[in-house]
PDB file of N, CA and C in Angstrom:
ATOM      1  N   MET A   1      95.386  38.541 -70.824  1.00  0.00           N
ATOM      2  CA  MET A   1      94.460  37.418 -70.663  1.00  0.00           C
ATOM      3  C   MET A   1      93.046  37.919 -70.947  1.00  0.00           C
ATOM      4  N   PRO A   2      92.223  37.128 -71.620  1.00  0.00           N
ATOM      5  CA  PRO A   2      90.862  37.548 -71.959  1.00  0.00           C
ATOM      6  C   PRO A   2      89.968  37.757 -70.723  1.00  0.00           C
ATOM      7  N   TRP A   3      88.985  38.620 -70.892  1.00  0.00           N
ATOM      8  CA  TRP A   3      87.989  38.911 -69.850  1.00  0.00           C
ATOM      9  C   TRP A   3      86.688  38.178 -70.151  1.00  0.00           C
ATOM     10  N   TYR A   4      85.991  37.825 -69.064  1.00  0.00           N
ATOM     11  CA  TYR A   4      84.688  37.177 -69.160  1.00  0.00           C
ATOM     12  C   TYR A   4      83.754  37.798 -68.137  1.00  0.00           C
ATOM     13  N   ILE A   5      82.472  37.838 -68.490  1.00  0.00           N
ATOM     14  CA  ILE A   5      81.458  38.427 -67.621  1.00  0.00           C
ATOM     15  C   ILE A   5      80.339  37.420 -67.416  1.00  0.00           C
ATOM     16  N   LYS A   6      80.018  37.183 -66.132  1.00  0.00           N
ATOM     17  CA  LYS A   6      78.858  36.346 -65.796  1.00  0.00           C
ATOM     18  C   LYS A   6      77.776  37.277 -65.257  1.00  0.00           C
ATOM     19  N   THR A   7      76.624  37.284 -65.896  1.00  0.00           N
ATOM     20  CA  THR A   7      75.473  38.007 -65.370  1.00  0.00           C
ATOM     21  C   THR A   7      74.513  36.973 -64.809  1.00  0.00           C
ATOM     22  N   GLU A   8      73.781  37.379 -63.782  1.00  0.00           N
ATOM     23  CA  GLU A   8      72.855  36.439 -63.170  1.00  0.00           C
ATOM     24  C   GLU A   8      71.626  37.162 -62.647  1.00  0.00           C
ATOM     25  N   GLN A   9      70.527  36.430 -62.615  1.00  0.00           N
ATOM     26  CA  GLN A   9      69.275  36.892 -62.022  1.00  0.00           C
ATOM     27  C   GLN A   9      68.872  35.890 -60.959  1.00  0.00           C
ATOM     28  N   PHE A  10      68.465  36.407 -59.797  1.00  0.00           N
ATOM     29  CA  PHE A  10      68.046  35.535 -58.704  1.00  0.00           C
ATOM     30  C   PHE A  10      66.740  34.837 -59.066  1.00  0.00           C
ATOM     31  N   ARG A  11      66.645  33.568 -58.707  1.00  0.00           N
ATOM     32  CA  ARG A  11      65.410  32.801 -58.899  1.00  0.00           C
ATOM     33  C   ARG A  11      64.533  32.846 -57.662  1.00  0.00           C
ATOM     34  N   ALA A  12      65.069  33.383 -56.581  1.00  0.00           N
ATOM     35  CA  ALA A  12      64.338  33.470 -55.305  1.00  0.00           C
ATOM     36  C   ALA A  12      64.359  34.933 -54.843  1.00  0.00           C
ATOM     37  N   PRO A  13      63.456  35.298 -53.928  1.00  0.00           N
ATOM     38  CA  PRO A  13      63.474  36.658 -53.388  1.00  0.00           C
ATOM     39  C   PRO A  13      64.806  36.961 -52.692  1.00  0.00           C
ATOM     40  N   ASP A  14      65.208  38.230 -52.738  1.00  0.00           N
ATOM     41  CA  ASP A  14      66.472  38.654 -52.133  1.00  0.00           C
ATOM     42  C   ASP A  14      66.653  38.124 -50.717  1.00  0.00           C
ATOM     43  N   GLN A  15      65.594  38.168 -49.914  1.00  0.00           N
ATOM     44  CA  GLN A  15      65.704  37.764 -48.512  1.00  0.00           C
ATOM     45  C   GLN A  15      66.014  36.278 -48.339  1.00  0.00           C
ATOM     46  N   ASP A  16      65.800  35.480 -49.379  1.00  0.00           N
ATOM     47  CA  ASP A  16      66.089  34.043 -49.318  1.00  0.00           C
ATOM     48  C   ASP A  16      67.488  33.695 -49.841  1.00  0.00           C
ATOM     49  N   MET A  17      68.248  34.708 -50.226  1.00  0.00           N
ATOM     50  CA  MET A  17      69.534  34.478 -50.876  1.00  0.00           C
ATOM     51  C   MET A  17      70.729  34.585 -49.939  1.00  0.00           C
ATOM     52  N   GLY A  18      70.520  34.955 -48.690  1.00  0.00           N
ATOM     53  CA  GLY A  18      71.608  35.232 -47.756  1.00  0.00           C
ATOM     54  C   GLY A  18      72.673  34.160 -47.664  1.00  0.00           C
ATOM     55  N   GLU A  19      72.275  32.926 -47.461  1.00  0.00           N
ATOM     56  CA  GLU A  19      73.234  31.820 -47.326  1.00  0.00           C
ATOM     57  C   GLU A  19      74.056  31.642 -48.605  1.00  0.00           C
ATOM     58  N   HIS A  20      73.383  31.734 -49.747  1.00  0.00           N
ATOM     59  CA  HIS A  20      74.064  31.548 -51.026  1.00  0.00           C
ATOM     60  C   HIS A  20      75.011  32.713 -51.321  1.00  0.00           C
ATOM     61  N   LEU A  21      74.573  33.916 -50.996  1.00  0.00           N
ATOM     62  CA  LEU A  21      75.417  35.094 -51.214  1.00  0.00           C
ATOM     63  C   LEU A  21      76.657  35.054 -50.329  1.00  0.00           C
ATOM     64  N   ALA A  22      76.489  34.622 -49.089  1.00  0.00           N
ATOM     65  CA  ALA A  22      77.641  34.518 -48.173  1.00  0.00           C
ATOM     66  C   ALA A  22      78.656  33.503 -48.702  1.00  0.00           C
ATOM     67  N   ALA A  23      78.173  32.363 -49.184  1.00  0.00           N
ATOM     68  CA  ALA A  23      79.069  31.341 -49.734  1.00  0.00           C
ATOM     69  C   ALA A  23      79.769  31.862 -50.985  1.00  0.00           C
ATOM     70  N   HIS A  24      79.042  32.596 -51.799  1.00  0.00           N
ATOM     71  CA  HIS A  24      79.622  33.171 -53.014  1.00  0.00           C
ATOM     72  C   HIS A  24      80.729  34.179 -52.669  1.00  0.00           C
ATOM     73  N   ARG A  25      80.455  35.071 -51.730  1.00  0.00           N
ATOM     74  CA  ARG A  25      81.469  36.072 -51.341  1.00  0.00           C
ATOM     75  C   ARG A  25      82.710  35.399 -50.776  1.00  0.00           C
ATOM     76  N   CYS A  26      82.536  34.383 -49.985  1.00  0.00           N
ATOM     77  CA  CYS A  26      83.672  33.642 -49.436  1.00  0.00           C
ATOM     78  C   CYS A  26      84.478  33.003 -50.562  1.00  0.00           C
ATOM     79  N   TRP A  27      83.805  32.394 -51.517  1.00  0.00           N
ATOM     80  CA  TRP A  27      84.459  31.767 -52.664  1.00  0.00           C
ATOM     81  C   TRP A  27      85.254  32.789 -53.476  1.00  0.00           C
ATOM     82  N   VAL A  28      84.640  33.951 -53.737  1.00  0.00           N
ATOM     83  CA  VAL A  28      85.329  35.002 -54.497  1.00  0.00           C
ATOM     84  C   VAL A  28      86.582  35.455 -53.751  1.00  0.00           C
ATOM     85  N   ARG A  29      86.461  35.693 -52.438  1.00  0.00           N
ATOM     86  CA  ARG A  29      87.631  36.115 -51.646  1.00  0.00           C
ATOM     87  C   ARG A  29      88.748  35.074 -51.710  1.00  0.00           C
ATOM     88  N   GLN A  30      88.386  33.802 -51.591  1.00  0.00           N
ATOM     89  CA  GLN A  30      89.386  32.732 -51.662  1.00  0.00           C
ATOM     90  C   GLN A  30      90.082  32.729 -53.017  1.00  0.00           C
ATOM     91  N   GLN A  31      89.316  32.909 -54.070  1.00  0.00           N
ATOM     92  CA  GLN A  31      89.890  32.930 -55.412  1.00  0.00           C
ATOM     93  C   GLN A  31      90.830  34.124 -55.584  1.00  0.00           C
ATOM     94  N   GLN A  32      90.438  35.273 -55.057  1.00  0.00           N
ATOM     95  CA  GLN A  32      91.288  36.466 -55.131  1.00  0.00           C
ATOM     96  C   GLN A  32      92.586  36.247 -54.360  1.00  0.00           C
ATOM     97  N   GLN A  33      92.481  35.633 -53.196  1.00  0.00           N
ATOM     98  CA  GLN A  33      93.676  35.371 -52.385  1.00  0.00           C
ATOM     99  C   GLN A  33      94.633  34.414 -53.099  1.00  0.00           C
ATOM    100  N   GLN A  34      94.090  33.581 -53.962  1.00  0.00           N
ATOM    101  CA  GLN A  34      94.915  32.650 -54.728  1.00  0.00           C
ATOM    102  C   GLN A  34      95.450  33.287 -56.014  1.00  0.00           C
ATOM    103  N   GLY A  35      95.152  34.569 -56.209  1.00  0.00           N
ATOM    104  CA  GLY A  35      95.698  35.301 -57.341  1.00  0.00           C
ATOM    105  C   GLY A  35      94.793  35.475 -58.539  1.00  0.00           C
ATOM    106  N   ARG A  36      93.576  34.956 -58.486  1.00  0.00           N
ATOM    107  CA  ARG A  36      92.659  35.137 -59.620  1.00  0.00           C
ATOM    108  C   ARG A  36      92.157  36.572 -59.632  1.00  0.00           C
ATOM    109  N   VAL A  37      92.171  37.180 -60.816  1.00  0.00           N
ATOM    110  CA  VAL A  37      91.681  38.545 -60.976  1.00  0.00           C
ATOM    111  C   VAL A  37      90.196  38.476 -61.300  1.00  0.00           C
ATOM    112  N   MET A  38      89.394  38.959 -60.364  1.00  0.00           N
ATOM    113  CA  MET A  38      87.945  38.933 -60.534  1.00  0.00           C
ATOM    114  C   MET A  38      87.303  39.920 -59.564  1.00  0.00           C
ATOM    115  N   VAL A  39      86.110  40.342 -59.895  1.00  0.00           N
ATOM    116  CA  VAL A  39      85.324  41.207 -59.023  1.00  0.00           C
ATOM    117  C   VAL A  39      83.860  40.802 -59.184  1.00  0.00           C
ATOM    118  N   SER A  40      83.115  40.913 -58.100  1.00  0.00           N
ATOM    119  CA  SER A  40      81.724  40.492 -58.106  1.00  0.00           C
ATOM    120  C   SER A  40      80.883  41.503 -57.344  1.00  0.00           C
ATOM    121  N   GLY A  41      79.657  41.698 -57.781  1.00  0.00           N
ATOM    122  CA  GLY A  41      78.781  42.625 -57.067  1.00  0.00           C
ATOM    123  C   GLY A  41      77.344  42.534 -57.552  1.00  0.00           C
ATOM    124  N   TYR A  42      76.494  43.319 -56.879  1.00  0.00           N
ATOM    125  CA  TYR A  42      75.066  43.356 -57.191  1.00  0.00           C
ATOM    126  C   TYR A  42      74.786  44.246 -58.387  1.00  0.00           C
ATOM    127  N   LEU A  43      73.792  43.867 -59.159  1.00  0.00           N
ATOM    128  CA  LEU A  43      73.186  44.785 -60.109  1.00  0.00           C
ATOM    129  C   LEU A  43      72.151  45.583 -59.317  1.00  0.00           C
ATOM    130  N   VAL A  44      72.025  46.862 -59.587  1.00  0.00           N
ATOM    131  CA  VAL A  44      71.110  47.705 -58.814  1.00  0.00           C
ATOM    132  C   VAL A  44      70.072  48.344 -59.721  1.00  0.00           C
ATOM    133  N   ASP A  45      68.958  48.745 -59.103  1.00  0.00           N
ATOM    134  CA  ASP A  45      67.886  49.395 -59.850  1.00  0.00           C
ATOM    135  C   ASP A  45      68.154  50.903 -59.944  1.00  0.00           C
ATOM    136  N   GLY A  46      67.219  51.638 -60.486  1.00  0.00           N
ATOM    137  CA  GLY A  46      67.358  53.082 -60.671  1.00  0.00           C
ATOM    138  C   GLY A  46      67.464  53.875 -59.388  1.00  0.00           C
ATOM    139  N   HIS A  47      67.174  53.246 -58.256  1.00  0.00           N
ATOM    140  CA  HIS A  47      67.263  53.910 -56.951  1.00  0.00           C
ATOM    141  C   HIS A  47      68.507  53.468 -56.184  1.00  0.00           C
ATOM    142  N   GLY A  48      69.368  52.710 -56.843  1.00  0.00           N
ATOM    143  CA  GLY A  48      70.595  52.253 -56.201  1.00  0.00           C
ATOM    144  C   GLY A  48      70.420  51.061 -55.289  1.00  0.00           C
ATOM    145  N   GLN A  49      69.278  50.387 -55.385  1.00  0.00           N
ATOM    146  CA  GLN A  49      68.999  49.226 -54.548  1.00  0.00           C
ATOM    147  C   GLN A  49      69.307  47.943 -55.320  1.00  0.00           C
ATOM    148  N   PRO A  50      69.850  46.917 -54.630  1.00  0.00           N
ATOM    149  CA  PRO A  50      70.071  45.641 -55.309  1.00  0.00           C
ATOM    150  C   PRO A  50      68.801  45.197 -56.014  1.00  0.00           C
ATOM    151  N   GLY A  51      68.954  44.782 -57.268  1.00  0.00           N
ATOM    152  CA  GLY A  51      67.788  44.495 -58.099  1.00  0.00           C
ATOM    153  C   GLY A  51      67.568  43.043 -58.443  1.00  0.00           C
ATOM    154  N   GLY A  52      68.049  42.127 -57.619  1.00  0.00           N
ATOM    155  CA  GLY A  52      67.750  40.725 -57.858  1.00  0.00           C
ATOM    156  C   GLY A  52      68.714  40.002 -58.769  1.00  0.00           C
ATOM    157  N   GLY A  53      69.941  40.494 -58.850  1.00  0.00           N
ATOM    158  CA  GLY A  53      70.915  39.822 -59.690  1.00  0.00           C
ATOM    159  C   GLY A  53      72.312  40.330 -59.425  1.00  0.00           C
ATOM    160  N   GLY A  54      73.263  39.812 -60.189  1.00  0.00           N
ATOM    161  CA  GLY A  54      74.644  40.198 -59.973  1.00  0.00           C
ATOM    162  C   GLY A  54      75.466  40.124 -61.240  1.00  0.00           C
ATOM    163  N   LEU A  55      76.710  40.565 -61.082  1.00  0.00           N
ATOM    164  CA  LEU A  55      77.675  40.598 -62.168  1.00  0.00           C
ATOM    165  C   LEU A  55      79.020  40.156 -61.619  1.00  0.00           C
ATOM    166  N   LEU A  56      79.714  39.322 -62.359  1.00  0.00           N
ATOM    167  CA  LEU A  56      81.053  38.894 -61.985  1.00  0.00           C
ATOM    168  C   LEU A  56      81.937  39.056 -63.223  1.00  0.00           C
ATOM    169  N   ILE A  57      83.069  39.728 -63.052  1.00  0.00           N
ATOM    170  CA  ILE A  57      84.026  39.923 -64.135  1.00  0.00           C
ATOM    171  C   ILE A  57      85.300  39.193 -63.743  1.00  0.00           C
ATOM    172  N   LEU A  58      85.862  38.417 -64.676  1.00  0.00           N
ATOM    173  CA  LEU A  58      87.079  37.682 -64.365  1.00  0.00           C
ATOM    174  C   LEU A  58      87.960  37.532 -65.593  1.00  0.00           C
ATOM    175  N   GLU A  59      89.216  37.244 -65.337  1.00  0.00           N
ATOM    176  CA  GLU A  59      90.150  36.886 -66.394  1.00  0.00           C
ATOM    177  C   GLU A  59      90.257  35.363 -66.437  1.00  0.00           C
ATOM    178  N   ALA A  60      90.395  34.821 -67.647  1.00  0.00           N
ATOM    179  CA  ALA A  60      90.605  33.382 -67.820  1.00  0.00           C
ATOM    180  C   ALA A  60      91.333  33.165 -69.139  1.00  0.00           C
ATOM    181  N   ASP A  61      91.975  32.032 -69.262  1.00  0.00           N
ATOM    182  CA  ASP A  61      92.739  31.723 -70.471  1.00  0.00           C
ATOM    183  C   ASP A  61      91.868  31.672 -71.720  1.00  0.00           C
ATOM    184  N   ASN A  62      90.652  31.134 -71.569  1.00  0.00           N
ATOM    185  CA  ASN A  62      89.742  31.001 -72.712  1.00  0.00           C
ATOM    186  C   ASN A  62      88.331  30.765 -72.177  1.00  0.00           C
ATOM    187  N   TYR A  63      87.363  30.721 -73.100  1.00  0.00           N
ATOM    188  CA  TYR A  63      85.968  30.560 -72.687  1.00  0.00           C
ATOM    189  C   TYR A  63      85.759  29.261 -71.914  1.00  0.00           C
ATOM    190  N   GLY A  64      86.334  28.177 -72.383  1.00  0.00           N
ATOM    191  CA  GLY A  64      86.176  26.890 -71.702  1.00  0.00           C
ATOM    192  C   GLY A  64      86.673  26.935 -70.272  1.00  0.00           C
ATOM    193  N   ALA A  65      87.818  27.574 -70.058  1.00  0.00           N
ATOM    194  CA  ALA A  65      88.363  27.695 -68.699  1.00  0.00           C
ATOM    195  C   ALA A  65      87.463  28.567 -67.835  1.00  0.00           C
ATOM    196  N   ALA A  66      86.939  29.655 -68.410  1.00  0.00           N
ATOM    197  CA  ALA A  66      86.031  30.534 -67.663  1.00  0.00           C
ATOM    198  C   ALA A  66      84.752  29.778 -67.294  1.00  0.00           C
ATOM    199  N   LEU A  67      84.218  29.011 -68.230  1.00  0.00           N
ATOM    200  CA  LEU A  67      82.996  28.245 -67.981  1.00  0.00           C
ATOM    201  C   LEU A  67      83.211  27.208 -66.889  1.00  0.00           C
ATOM    202  N   THR A  68      84.288  26.469 -66.967  1.00  0.00           N
ATOM    203  CA  THR A  68      84.602  25.473 -65.941  1.00  0.00           C
ATOM    204  C   THR A  68      84.727  26.132 -64.578  1.00  0.00           C
ATOM    205  N   PHE A  69      85.370  27.279 -64.535  1.00  0.00           N
ATOM    206  CA  PHE A  69      85.537  28.008 -63.279  1.00  0.00           C
ATOM    207  C   PHE A  69      84.196  28.488 -62.735  1.00  0.00           C
ATOM    208  N   ILE A  70      83.385  29.122 -63.573  1.00  0.00           N
ATOM    209  CA  ILE A  70      82.096  29.670 -63.142  1.00  0.00           C
ATOM    210  C   ILE A  70      81.177  28.566 -62.637  1.00  0.00           C
ATOM    211  N   GLN A  71      81.285  27.387 -63.184  1.00  0.00           N
ATOM    212  CA  GLN A  71      80.436  26.279 -62.746  1.00  0.00           C
ATOM    213  C   GLN A  71      80.761  25.841 -61.322  1.00  0.00           C
ATOM    214  N   GLN A  72      81.843  26.360 -60.739  1.00  0.00           N
ATOM    215  CA  GLN A  72      82.196  26.083 -59.344  1.00  0.00           C
ATOM    216  C   GLN A  72      81.657  27.155 -58.390  1.00  0.00           C
ATOM    217  N   ASP A  73      81.104  28.223 -58.934  1.00  0.00           N
ATOM    218  CA  ASP A  73      80.565  29.326 -58.125  1.00  0.00           C
ATOM    219  C   ASP A  73      79.396  28.797 -57.283  1.00  0.00           C
ATOM    220  N   PRO A  74      79.414  29.029 -55.969  1.00  0.00           N
ATOM    221  CA  PRO A  74      78.312  28.569 -55.125  1.00  0.00           C
ATOM    222  C   PRO A  74      76.935  29.066 -55.576  1.00  0.00           C
ATOM    223  N   MET A  75      76.864  30.237 -56.192  1.00  0.00           N
ATOM    224  CA  MET A  75      75.575  30.725 -56.688  1.00  0.00           C
ATOM    225  C   MET A  75      75.080  29.828 -57.819  1.00  0.00           C
ATOM    226  N   VAL A  76      75.964  29.387 -58.674  1.00  0.00           N
ATOM    227  CA  VAL A  76      75.599  28.500 -59.778  1.00  0.00           C
ATOM    228  C   VAL A  76      75.286  27.103 -59.240  1.00  0.00           C
ATOM    229  N   LEU A  77      76.151  26.601 -58.364  1.00  0.00           N
ATOM    230  CA  LEU A  77      75.949  25.265 -57.796  1.00  0.00           C
ATOM    231  C   LEU A  77      74.629  25.144 -57.041  1.00  0.00           C
ATOM    232  N   SER A  78      74.198  26.234 -56.404  1.00  0.00           N
ATOM    233  CA  SER A  78      72.956  26.198 -55.624  1.00  0.00           C
ATOM    234  C   SER A  78      71.721  26.117 -56.514  1.00  0.00           C
ATOM    235  N   GLY A  79      71.856  26.528 -57.762  1.00  0.00           N
ATOM    236  CA  GLY A  79      70.700  26.549 -58.653  1.00  0.00           C
ATOM    237  C   GLY A  79      69.775  27.724 -58.408  1.00  0.00           C
ATOM    238  N   CYS A  80      70.205  28.674 -57.595  1.00  0.00           N
ATOM    239  CA  CYS A  80      69.322  29.778 -57.214  1.00  0.00           C
ATOM    240  C   CYS A  80      69.422  30.983 -58.154  1.00  0.00           C
ATOM    241  N   VAL A  81      70.197  30.852 -59.230  1.00  0.00           N
ATOM    242  CA  VAL A  81      70.306  31.936 -60.198  1.00  0.00           C
ATOM    243  C   VAL A  81      70.202  31.398 -61.620  1.00  0.00           C
ATOM    244  N   GLU A  82      69.675  32.217 -62.488  1.00  0.00           N
ATOM    245  CA  GLU A  82      69.797  31.998 -63.918  1.00  0.00           C
ATOM    246  C   GLU A  82      71.006  32.823 -64.323  1.00  0.00           C
ATOM    247  N   TRP A  83      71.919  32.236 -65.090  1.00  0.00           N
ATOM    248  CA  TRP A  83      73.150  32.963 -65.391  1.00  0.00           C
ATOM    249  C   TRP A  83      73.551  32.804 -66.841  1.00  0.00           C
ATOM    250  N   ARG A  84      74.432  33.702 -67.240  1.00  0.00           N
ATOM    251  CA  ARG A  84      74.948  33.718 -68.602  1.00  0.00           C
ATOM    252  C   ARG A  84      76.410  34.138 -68.550  1.00  0.00           C
ATOM    253  N   LEU A  85      77.251  33.465 -69.305  1.00  0.00           N
ATOM    254  CA  LEU A  85      78.672  33.807 -69.383  1.00  0.00           C
ATOM    255  C   LEU A  85      78.982  34.281 -70.789  1.00  0.00           C
ATOM    256  N   GLN A  86      79.672  35.405 -70.868  1.00  0.00           N
ATOM    257  CA  GLN A  86      80.073  35.952 -72.159  1.00  0.00           C
ATOM    258  C   GLN A  86      81.516  36.420 -72.086  1.00  0.00           C
ATOM    259  N   GLY A  87      82.210  36.324 -73.221  1.00  0.00           N
ATOM    260  CA  GLY A  87      83.511  36.945 -73.319  1.00  0.00           C
ATOM    261  C   GLY A  87      83.321  38.450 -73.461  1.00  0.00           C
ATOM    262  N   TRP A  88      84.350  39.196 -73.114  1.00  0.00           N
ATOM    263  CA  TRP A  88      84.275  40.654 -73.215  1.00  0.00           C
ATOM    264  C   TRP A  88      85.604  41.167 -73.719  1.00  0.00           C
ATOM    265  N   ILE A  89      85.558  42.022 -74.721  1.00  0.00           N
ATOM    266  CA  ILE A  89      86.768  42.603 -75.284  1.00  0.00           C
ATOM    267  C   ILE A  89      86.753  44.098 -74.982  1.00  0.00           C
ATOM    268  N   PRO A  90      87.532  44.553 -73.980  1.00  0.00           N
ATOM    269  CA  PRO A  90      87.587  45.985 -73.720  1.00  0.00           C
ATOM    270  C   PRO A  90      88.291  46.698 -74.881  1.00  0.00           C
ATOM    271  N   VAL A  91      87.757  47.835 -75.265  1.00  0.00           N
ATOM    272  CA  VAL A  91      88.305  48.575 -76.389  1.00  0.00           C
ATOM    273  C   VAL A  91      88.980  49.868 -75.934  1.00  0.00           C
ATOM    274  N   VAL A  92      88.373  50.548 -74.973  1.00  0.00           N
ATOM    275  CA  VAL A  92      88.918  51.817 -74.490  1.00  0.00           C
ATOM    276  C   VAL A  92      88.966  51.782 -72.974  1.00  0.00           C
ATOM    277  N   GLY A  93      90.085  52.158 -72.375  1.00  0.00           N
ATOM    278  CA  GLY A  93      90.200  52.250 -70.919  1.00  0.00           C
ATOM    279  C   GLY A  93      90.808  51.015 -70.293  1.00  0.00           C
ATOM    280  N   ASP A  94      90.946  51.100 -68.975  1.00  0.00           N
ATOM    281  CA  ASP A  94      91.562  50.034 -68.190  1.00  0.00           C
ATOM    282  C   ASP A  94      90.755  49.854 -66.920  1.00  0.00           C
ATOM    283  N   LEU A  95      90.278  48.655 -66.666  1.00  0.00           N
ATOM    284  CA  LEU A  95      89.493  48.395 -65.464  1.00  0.00           C
ATOM    285  C   LEU A  95      90.345  48.408 -64.205  1.00  0.00           C
ATOM    286  N   GLY A  96      91.570  47.941 -64.299  1.00  0.00           N
ATOM    287  CA  GLY A  96      92.436  47.870 -63.115  1.00  0.00           C
ATOM    288  C   GLY A  96      91.827  47.028 -62.016  1.00  0.00           C
ATOM    289  N   LEU A  97      91.216  45.904 -62.341  1.00  0.00           N
ATOM    290  CA  LEU A  97      90.553  45.060 -61.355  1.00  0.00           C
ATOM    291  C   LEU A  97      91.577  44.350 -60.479  1.00  0.00           C
ATOM    292  N   ARG A  98      91.561  44.675 -59.251  1.00  0.00           N
ATOM    293  CA  ARG A  98      92.382  44.012 -58.243  1.00  0.00           C
ATOM    294  C   ARG A  98      91.542  43.944 -56.982  1.00  0.00           C
ATOM    295  N   PRO A  99      91.764  42.953 -56.125  1.00  0.00           N
ATOM    296  CA  PRO A  99      90.968  42.854 -54.894  1.00  0.00           C
ATOM    297  C   PRO A  99      91.008  44.153 -54.100  1.00  0.00           C
ATOM    298  N   ALA A 100      89.846  44.521 -53.616  1.00  0.00           N
ATOM    299  CA  ALA A 100      89.700  45.710 -52.776  1.00  0.00           C
ATOM    300  C   ALA A 100      88.854  45.345 -51.574  1.00  0.00           C
ATOM    301  N   GLN A 101      88.718  46.267 -50.649  1.00  0.00           N
ATOM    302  CA  GLN A 101      87.908  45.974 -49.469  1.00  0.00           C
ATOM    303  C   GLN A 101      86.463  45.799 -49.873  1.00  0.00           C
ATOM    304  N   ASP A 102      85.753  44.933 -49.168  1.00  0.00           N
ATOM    305  CA  ASP A 102      84.349  44.684 -49.460  1.00  0.00           C
ATOM    306  C   ASP A 102      83.517  45.894 -49.080  1.00  0.00           C
ATOM    307  N   LEU A 103      82.515  46.191 -49.903  1.00  0.00           N
ATOM    308  CA  LEU A 103      81.615  47.301 -49.628  1.00  0.00           C
ATOM    309  C   LEU A 103      80.343  46.820 -48.952  1.00  0.00           C
ATOM    310  N   LEU A 104      79.999  45.555 -49.150  1.00  0.00           N
ATOM    311  CA  LEU A 104      78.757  45.027 -48.544  1.00  0.00           C
ATOM    312  C   LEU A 104      79.084  43.927 -47.585  1.00  0.00           C
TER     313      LEU A 104
END
């Protein structure tokens, strides 16, 4: 199944994103529990600190299906991020993306 990547930049300061981030994490966990292969996390700066944005990688049948799905993401629905969705074709290696314990 094809891979898709959503990148996003916060439109508000990090400290104002708590409610939206919590809803997003809950949504991702629910999707994983339903069998969707996806992973989500923060983009970080050169010091390893969250840098005002995120990345979500998922499998979907096609771009249209990925777009429809991403438009249900609480971060997108809230309007608090600028985002972009792109297809991704891995050439070398295996991501092995499966739900794991949360780090944050």
